[in-house]
């Protein structure tokens, strides 16, 4: 389970050795025809001990801690997300009921944005950034963590100049609306309700107001813990932890969900996190045994990739595909590490990166990738 309600493991030492990557990145051409310094990519990890660990991605996919990492966060940070420009990181702090925001510096280090942290609802367990960079959405566990009542979704507008957050409103959702996904168009929001085996579906107004879509909530498997919309906005995938499967839906023009033929698709014990590659060709699912890889058919159906599952560390509970589609990073809560894999672009098969898994210095609850500030 991906909140502070997981059993907190022994704290891994926060001391980490910092080293500069010796790999040379290809130069990036600019409009004038000249070249400029390569743009780094980064990985950010929410550590339940109250920190955000930051790593630079090398040309081979290996991870190197950035200067100053780990960075202080609130109490029991559980969710982490990067805005689409790669300029800001947001962290949901489940036990301090707030959201931290950080500017991503050129070297990947973090500086708090103005007025950070900002208050959230009760038990903010996840954070998602609108693909258009307008809003931040936070799933609040609230009283339902004890098995009753409804959770909520806090909405904030983003100051595009400095990344600061301004509260918009708080909206009622189902029981434990931890996983949240927003369609690529920014029109619809989907919240998996962990405690009620369904998905709440909302339209998003230009001001961030949420309005339930007709037919919402839509049935899912047992204990949905991760929700992801494919890059074209055609399909929605939900990882169901207790039923060990993945629900798949077609996203209709009005945002409503229709189950895809064959859904739910079998996964494995502790189906915790799902994401597709940027091309929408393959899907990756963190499960207890490692990472399952699937090919996505033209109908949105999932077909297992040969060799799945690919072994990761102990207790994989969150994963992120980098924005180039070359790598998958998996947070291993039980072993305090990040597993790194290269993606075969043709088959979707995974190969462990040299040196993987990489120590995080704590218990990783979630992981997000960023292309670095522009």
Protein backbone atom coordinates (compact mmCIF):
# COMPACT_ATOMS: atom_id res chain seq x y z
CA UNK A 1 0.00 0.00 0.00
CA UNK A 2 1.46 3.34 -1.03
CA UNK A 3 0.84 5.61 1.95
CA UNK A 4 2.17 6.13 5.43
CA UNK A 5 0.00 3.15 6.32
CA UNK A 6 2.64 0.89 4.91
CA UNK A 7 4.88 -0.54 7.64
CA UNK A 8 7.82 1.81 7.93
CA UNK A 9 11.05 -0.11 7.49
CA UNK A 10 14.30 0.53 9.25
CA UNK A 11 15.78 3.87 8.26
CA UNK A 12 18.62 3.56 5.81
CA UNK A 13 21.50 5.91 6.46
CA UNK A 14 20.99 9.29 4.82
CA UNK A 15 24.68 9.68 4.21
CA UNK A 16 25.43 9.17 0.51
CA UNK A 17 28.58 9.51 -1.52
CA UNK A 18 28.34 12.10 -4.26
CA UNK A 19 30.19 11.55 -7.49
CA UNK A 20 30.25 13.35 -10.81
CA UNK A 21 29.18 11.33 -13.81
CA UNK A 22 32.05 10.92 -16.26
CA UNK A 23 29.76 9.99 -19.10
CA UNK A 24 29.61 12.56 -21.89
CA UNK A 25 26.16 13.58 -23.10
CA UNK A 26 25.60 14.54 -26.73
CA UNK A 27 25.47 18.27 -27.31
CA UNK A 28 22.11 19.88 -28.03
CA UNK A 29 21.67 22.04 -31.14
CA UNK A 30 19.90 25.36 -30.79
CA UNK A 31 18.14 27.54 -33.35
CA UNK A 32 21.29 29.48 -34.28
CA UNK A 33 22.97 26.28 -35.38
CA UNK A 34 25.44 26.37 -32.50
CA UNK A 35 25.53 23.89 -29.65
CA UNK A 36 24.86 24.30 -25.99
CA UNK A 37 25.47 22.24 -22.87
CA UNK A 38 23.40 19.04 -22.73
CA UNK A 39 20.19 19.10 -20.75
CA UNK A 40 20.36 16.74 -17.77
CA UNK A 41 17.55 14.50 -16.62
CA UNK A 42 16.70 13.86 -12.97
CA UNK A 43 14.88 11.37 -10.75
CA UNK A 44 13.09 12.47 -7.56
CA UNK A 45 12.11 10.09 -4.77
CA UNK A 46 9.81 10.74 -1.79
CA UNK A 47 11.36 9.15 1.32
CA UNK A 48 9.02 8.39 4.21
CA UNK A 49 11.62 9.64 6.70
CA UNK A 50 10.83 13.22 5.62
CA UNK A 51 13.08 13.88 2.62
CA UNK A 52 13.18 14.06 -1.16
CA UNK A 53 16.16 12.31 -2.73
CA UNK A 54 17.39 13.66 -6.07
CA UNK A 55 19.51 11.91 -8.69
CA UNK A 56 20.93 12.80 -12.08
CA UNK A 57 20.39 10.28 -14.87
CA UNK A 58 23.61 9.38 -16.68
CA UNK A 59 23.80 8.61 -20.40
CA UNK A 60 23.62 4.90 -19.53
CA UNK A 61 20.63 5.36 -17.20
CA UNK A 62 22.67 5.07 -14.00
CA UNK A 63 21.82 7.36 -11.08
CA UNK A 64 24.14 9.77 -9.28
CA UNK A 65 22.95 11.82 -6.24
CA UNK A 66 22.78 15.55 -6.97
CA UNK A 67 24.51 18.06 -4.66
CA UNK A 68 22.67 18.55 -1.37
CA UNK A 69 20.47 15.47 -1.69
CA UNK A 70 18.35 14.47 0.20
CA UNK A 71 16.25 17.63 0.70
CA UNK A 72 13.92 18.18 3.70
CA UNK A 73 10.19 17.72 3.12
CA UNK A 74 7.16 17.49 5.42
CA UNK A 75 6.15 14.62 7.66
CA UNK A 76 6.03 11.26 5.86
CA UNK A 77 6.14 12.41 2.21
CA UNK A 78 4.24 9.87 0.16
CA UNK A 79 3.69 11.28 -3.33
CA UNK A 80 5.99 13.14 -5.72
CA UNK A 81 5.34 14.72 -9.13
CA UNK A 82 7.17 16.99 -11.57
CA UNK A 83 5.49 19.73 -13.59
CA UNK A 84 5.54 19.32 -17.42
CA UNK A 85 8.21 21.99 -17.89
CA UNK A 86 10.62 20.15 -15.60
CA UNK A 87 10.99 23.25 -13.44
CA UNK A 88 9.14 22.30 -10.23
CA UNK A 89 8.72 19.25 -7.98
CA UNK A 90 5.69 18.83 -5.70
CA UNK A 91 5.51 16.47 -2.72
CA UNK A 92 2.44 15.36 -0.75
CA UNK A 93 3.23 15.01 2.97
CA UNK A 94 0.69 12.56 4.36
CA UNK A 95 1.21 13.17 8.09
CA UNK A 96 1.70 16.95 8.08
CA UNK A 97 -1.35 17.57 5.86
CA UNK A 98 0.47 19.79 3.40
CA UNK A 99 2.18 19.96 0.02
CA UNK A 100 5.78 21.05 -0.53
CA UNK A 101 6.95 22.69 -3.75
CA UNK A 102 10.53 23.03 -4.99
CA UNK A 103 12.22 24.78 -7.88
CA UNK A 104 14.51 22.43 -9.80
CA UNK A 105 17.89 24.09 -10.19
CA UNK A 106 20.16 23.49 -13.18
CA UNK A 107 22.11 20.80 -11.28
CA UNK A 108 18.93 19.06 -10.11
CA UNK A 109 19.08 20.38 -6.56
CA UNK A 110 15.90 21.74 -4.98
CA UNK A 111 14.94 25.14 -3.57
CA UNK A 112 11.53 25.65 -1.89
CA UNK A 113 9.07 27.75 -3.91
CA UNK A 114 7.49 30.80 -2.23
CA UNK A 115 5.02 30.02 0.59
CA UNK A 116 5.92 26.32 0.61
CA UNK A 117 4.46 24.16 2.08
CA UNK A 118 0.76 24.88 1.55
CA UNK A 119 -2.06 23.23 3.54
CA UNK A 120 -3.88 20.26 2.02
CA UNK A 121 -6.80 18.10 3.14
CA UNK A 122 -6.50 15.39 5.75
CA UNK A 123 -3.84 12.82 4.89
CA UNK A 124 -2.57 13.97 1.47
CA UNK A 125 -1.27 10.72 -0.02
CA UNK A 126 -0.63 11.58 -3.67
CA UNK A 127 0.09 14.53 -5.93
CA UNK A 128 -0.45 14.97 -9.68
CA UNK A 129 0.35 17.89 -11.98
CA UNK A 130 -1.94 18.90 -14.83
CA UNK A 131 -0.17 18.05 -18.15
CA UNK A 132 -0.84 21.64 -19.25
CA UNK A 133 0.94 23.02 -16.18
CA UNK A 134 -2.10 24.86 -14.80
CA UNK A 135 -3.05 22.91 -11.68
CA UNK A 136 -1.84 20.54 -8.97
CA UNK A 137 -4.23 17.85 -7.69
CA UNK A 138 -3.77 16.14 -4.32
CA UNK A 139 -5.58 12.98 -3.20
CA UNK A 140 -6.45 13.20 0.50
CA UNK A 141 -6.93 9.97 2.43
CA UNK A 142 -8.81 11.61 5.30
CA UNK A 143 -10.89 9.58 7.75
CA UNK A 144 -11.32 6.80 5.22
CA UNK A 145 -7.83 5.51 6.03
CA UNK A 146 -9.57 3.85 8.97
CA UNK A 147 -12.15 2.33 6.65
CA UNK A 148 -15.05 4.78 6.61
CA UNK A 149 -16.15 8.06 5.08
CA UNK A 150 -15.07 9.75 1.86
CA UNK A 151 -11.77 11.22 0.80
CA UNK A 152 -11.21 14.42 -1.11
CA UNK A 153 -9.18 16.03 -3.86
CA UNK A 154 -7.47 19.37 -3.22
CA UNK A 155 -6.93 21.57 -6.27
CA UNK A 156 -4.33 24.33 -6.56
CA UNK A 157 -3.49 26.75 -9.35
CA UNK A 158 0.19 27.06 -10.28
CA UNK A 159 1.99 30.39 -10.50
CA UNK A 160 3.82 29.81 -13.77
CA UNK A 161 6.52 32.31 -12.85
CA UNK A 162 7.71 30.68 -9.63
CA UNK A 163 5.73 27.44 -9.13
CA UNK A 164 3.91 28.66 -6.01
CA UNK A 165 0.48 27.14 -5.29
CA UNK A 166 -2.81 28.91 -4.63
CA UNK A 167 -5.72 26.79 -3.29
CA UNK A 168 -8.74 26.54 -5.61
CA UNK A 169 -11.09 24.22 -3.70
CA UNK A 170 -11.46 20.78 -2.15
CA UNK A 171 -13.80 18.26 -3.80
CA UNK A 172 -15.36 15.09 -2.39
CA UNK A 173 -14.31 11.79 -3.98
CA UNK A 174 -14.72 8.12 -3.05
CA UNK A 175 -13.00 6.19 -0.29
CA UNK A 176 -9.26 6.79 -0.26
CA UNK A 177 -8.76 8.58 -3.61
CA UNK A 178 -5.01 8.12 -3.61
CA UNK A 179 -4.07 7.57 -7.27
CA UNK A 180 -4.97 10.43 -9.60
CA UNK A 181 -4.45 10.78 -13.35
CA UNK A 182 -5.27 13.67 -15.68
CA UNK A 183 -5.96 13.17 -19.39
CA UNK A 184 -3.25 14.58 -21.71
CA UNK A 185 -5.70 17.25 -22.89
CA UNK A 186 -6.18 18.44 -19.30
CA UNK A 187 -9.96 18.00 -19.64
CA UNK A 188 -10.59 15.07 -17.31
CA UNK A 189 -9.38 13.80 -13.94
CA UNK A 190 -9.54 10.18 -12.79
CA UNK A 191 -9.17 9.20 -9.13
CA UNK A 192 -8.84 5.57 -8.12
CA UNK A 193 -10.74 5.01 -4.87
CA UNK A 194 -8.69 2.45 -2.95
CA UNK A 195 -11.41 1.78 -0.41
CA UNK A 196 -14.38 1.49 -2.79
CA UNK A 197 -13.07 -0.44 -5.83
CA UNK A 198 -13.98 2.20 -8.38
CA UNK A 199 -12.73 5.25 -10.27
CA UNK A 200 -14.19 8.75 -9.80
CA UNK A 201 -14.31 10.66 -13.08
CA UNK A 202 -14.40 14.48 -13.26
CA UNK A 203 -14.30 17.15 -15.93
CA UNK A 204 -11.86 20.01 -15.19
CA UNK A 205 -12.95 23.60 -15.80
CA UNK A 206 -10.61 26.38 -16.90
CA UNK A 207 -10.44 27.49 -13.26
CA UNK A 208 -9.75 24.01 -11.85
CA UNK A 209 -13.27 23.21 -10.66
CA UNK A 210 -14.14 19.49 -10.76
CA UNK A 211 -17.54 18.26 -11.97
CA UNK A 212 -18.47 14.54 -11.95
CA UNK A 213 -18.81 12.98 -15.40
CA UNK A 214 -22.08 11.15 -16.12
CA UNK A 215 -21.83 7.54 -14.94
CA UNK A 216 -19.10 8.25 -12.39
CA UNK A 217 -17.79 6.39 -10.44
CA UNK A 218 -16.82 3.52 -12.76
CA UNK A 219 -16.19 0.03 -11.44
CA UNK A 220 -12.57 -1.13 -11.05
CA UNK A 221 -10.82 -4.05 -9.39
CA UNK A 222 -10.19 -4.38 -5.68
CA UNK A 223 -8.03 -1.67 -4.05
CA UNK A 224 -6.97 0.45 -7.05
CA UNK A 225 -3.60 1.94 -6.18
CA UNK A 226 -2.40 3.50 -9.45
CA UNK A 227 -4.11 5.20 -12.40
CA UNK A 228 -2.53 6.28 -15.68
CA UNK A 229 -3.87 7.74 -18.94
CA UNK A 230 -1.97 6.82 -22.10
CA UNK A 231 -0.18 9.70 -23.93
CA UNK A 232 -2.87 9.99 -26.63
CA UNK A 233 -5.71 10.15 -24.12
CA UNK A 234 -7.31 7.04 -25.65
CA UNK A 235 -7.01 4.59 -22.76
CA UNK A 236 -6.97 4.58 -18.96
CA UNK A 237 -5.24 1.88 -16.91
CA UNK A 238 -5.81 1.09 -13.23
CA UNK A 239 -3.53 -1.15 -11.14
CA UNK A 240 -5.67 -3.06 -8.62
CA UNK A 241 -3.57 -4.22 -5.67
CA UNK A 242 -5.88 -6.64 -3.88
CA UNK A 243 -7.27 -8.31 -7.02
CA UNK A 244 -3.80 -8.51 -8.63
CA UNK A 245 -4.89 -7.24 -12.03
CA UNK A 246 -5.13 -4.20 -14.30
CA UNK A 247 -8.42 -2.64 -15.37
CA UNK A 248 -8.34 -1.06 -18.84
CA UNK A 249 -10.80 1.43 -20.29
CA UNK A 250 -11.42 3.39 -23.45
CA UNK A 251 -11.76 7.10 -22.69
CA UNK A 252 -14.86 8.39 -24.49
CA UNK A 253 -15.21 11.89 -25.93
CA UNK A 254 -17.12 13.06 -22.85
CA UNK A 255 -14.51 11.55 -20.52
CA UNK A 256 -16.62 8.54 -19.56
CA UNK A 257 -14.93 5.13 -19.27
CA UNK A 258 -15.79 1.94 -21.16
CA UNK A 259 -14.15 -1.35 -20.16
CA UNK A 260 -11.90 -2.77 -22.88
CA UNK A 261 -12.60 -6.34 -24.00
CA UNK A 262 -10.57 -8.73 -21.84
CA UNK A 263 -10.29 -6.28 -18.93
CA UNK A 264 -9.22 -6.73 -16.21
CA UNK A 265 -5.90 -8.20 -17.34
CA UNK A 266 -4.03 -10.54 -15.02
CA UNK A 267 -0.96 -9.11 -13.29
CA UNK A 268 0.61 -10.48 -10.10
CA UNK A 269 0.50 -10.19 -6.33
CA UNK A 270 0.77 -6.60 -5.03
CA UNK A 271 -0.04 -4.83 -8.30
CA UNK A 272 1.06 -1.38 -7.14
CA UNK A 273 1.89 1.05 -9.94
CA UNK A 274 1.37 1.40 -13.70
CA UNK A 275 2.69 3.74 -16.41
CA UNK A 276 3.12 3.63 -20.18
CA UNK A 277 6.05 4.78 -22.26
CA UNK A 278 5.72 8.21 -23.95
CA UNK A 279 4.79 6.58 -27.27
CA UNK A 280 1.96 4.57 -25.71
CA UNK A 281 3.40 1.31 -27.10
CA UNK A 282 4.20 -0.45 -23.83
CA UNK A 283 2.92 -0.45 -20.25
CA UNK A 284 4.94 -1.26 -17.14
CA UNK A 285 3.52 -2.45 -13.83
CA UNK A 286 5.30 -2.68 -10.47
CA UNK A 287 4.32 -5.91 -8.72
CA UNK A 288 5.69 -7.87 -5.78
CA UNK A 289 7.93 -9.95 -8.03
CA UNK A 290 9.39 -6.98 -9.94
CA UNK A 291 8.13 -5.26 -13.11
CA UNK A 292 5.63 -6.65 -15.58
CA UNK A 293 5.93 -5.33 -19.14
CA UNK A 294 3.07 -5.34 -21.65
CA UNK A 295 2.58 -4.42 -25.29
CA UNK A 296 -0.48 -2.20 -25.80
CA UNK A 297 -2.64 -3.36 -28.72
CA UNK A 298 -4.59 -0.99 -30.98
CA UNK A 299 -7.67 -1.67 -28.84
CA UNK A 300 -5.84 -0.85 -25.61
CA UNK A 301 -5.63 -4.49 -24.54
CA UNK A 302 -2.48 -5.60 -22.70
CA UNK A 303 -0.28 -8.43 -23.98
CA UNK A 304 2.49 -9.68 -21.67
CA UNK A 305 6.07 -9.19 -22.89
CA UNK A 306 8.27 -12.29 -22.92
CA UNK A 307 10.47 -12.46 -19.83
CA UNK A 308 8.03 -10.68 -17.48
CA UNK A 309 8.24 -10.10 -14.60
CA UNK A 310 11.69 -8.50 -14.61
CA UNK A 311 13.25 -8.73 -11.11
CA UNK A 312 13.55 -5.53 -9.03
CA UNK A 313 14.33 -4.93 -5.36
CA UNK A 314 12.21 -5.82 -2.34
CA UNK A 315 8.71 -4.32 -2.17
CA UNK A 316 8.49 -2.39 -5.48
CA UNK A 317 5.66 0.09 -4.96
CA UNK A 318 6.07 2.88 -7.53
CA UNK A 319 7.61 3.31 -10.97
CA UNK A 320 8.30 6.07 -13.47
CA UNK A 321 9.24 6.00 -17.16
CA UNK A 322 11.63 8.79 -18.12
CA UNK A 323 10.38 11.29 -20.67
CA UNK A 324 12.66 9.99 -23.43
CA UNK A 325 11.12 6.52 -23.07
CA UNK A 326 14.52 4.93 -22.60
CA UNK A 327 14.41 4.00 -18.91
CA UNK A 328 12.12 2.72 -16.16
CA UNK A 329 12.87 3.56 -12.50
CA UNK A 330 11.27 1.50 -9.74
CA UNK A 331 11.05 2.47 -6.05
CA UNK A 332 11.70 -0.54 -3.82
CA UNK A 333 10.23 0.31 -0.41
CA UNK A 334 11.46 -2.84 1.29
CA UNK A 335 15.11 -2.53 0.26
CA UNK A 336 15.44 1.26 0.18
CA UNK A 337 16.63 1.29 -3.42
CA UNK A 338 15.74 2.36 -6.96
CA UNK A 339 15.96 -0.27 -9.69
CA UNK A 340 16.83 1.10 -13.13
CA UNK A 341 16.10 -0.59 -16.45
CA UNK A 342 16.62 0.19 -20.12
CA UNK A 343 13.58 -0.36 -22.34
CA UNK A 344 13.83 -2.27 -25.60
CA UNK A 345 11.82 0.11 -27.82
CA UNK A 346 10.71 -2.70 -30.13
CA UNK A 347 9.67 -5.40 -27.64
CA UNK A 348 9.27 -3.53 -24.34
CA UNK A 349 11.60 -5.96 -22.58
CA UNK A 350 13.67 -4.57 -19.71
CA UNK A 351 17.40 -4.88 -19.00
CA UNK A 352 18.90 -3.84 -15.68
CA UNK A 353 21.19 -0.78 -15.85
CA UNK A 354 24.77 -1.37 -14.70
CA UNK A 355 25.03 -0.65 -10.96
CA UNK A 356 21.29 -1.09 -10.34
CA UNK A 357 19.69 -1.03 -7.81
CA UNK A 358 20.81 2.36 -6.43
CA UNK A 359 20.49 3.22 -2.71
CA UNK A 360 18.04 6.01 -1.86
CA UNK A 361 19.08 6.71 1.73
CA UNK A 362 15.63 5.94 3.09
CA UNK A 363 12.33 4.19 2.40
CA UNK A 364 11.10 5.28 -1.08
CA UNK A 365 7.33 5.74 -1.27
CA UNK A 366 7.13 7.11 -4.83
CA UNK A 367 9.36 8.12 -7.72
CA UNK A 368 9.10 10.66 -10.57
CA UNK A 369 11.36 11.62 -13.46
CA UNK A 370 12.09 15.02 -14.96
CA UNK A 371 13.92 16.25 -18.05
CA UNK A 372 15.44 19.05 -15.98
CA UNK A 373 14.64 22.78 -16.10
CA UNK A 374 14.54 24.42 -19.53
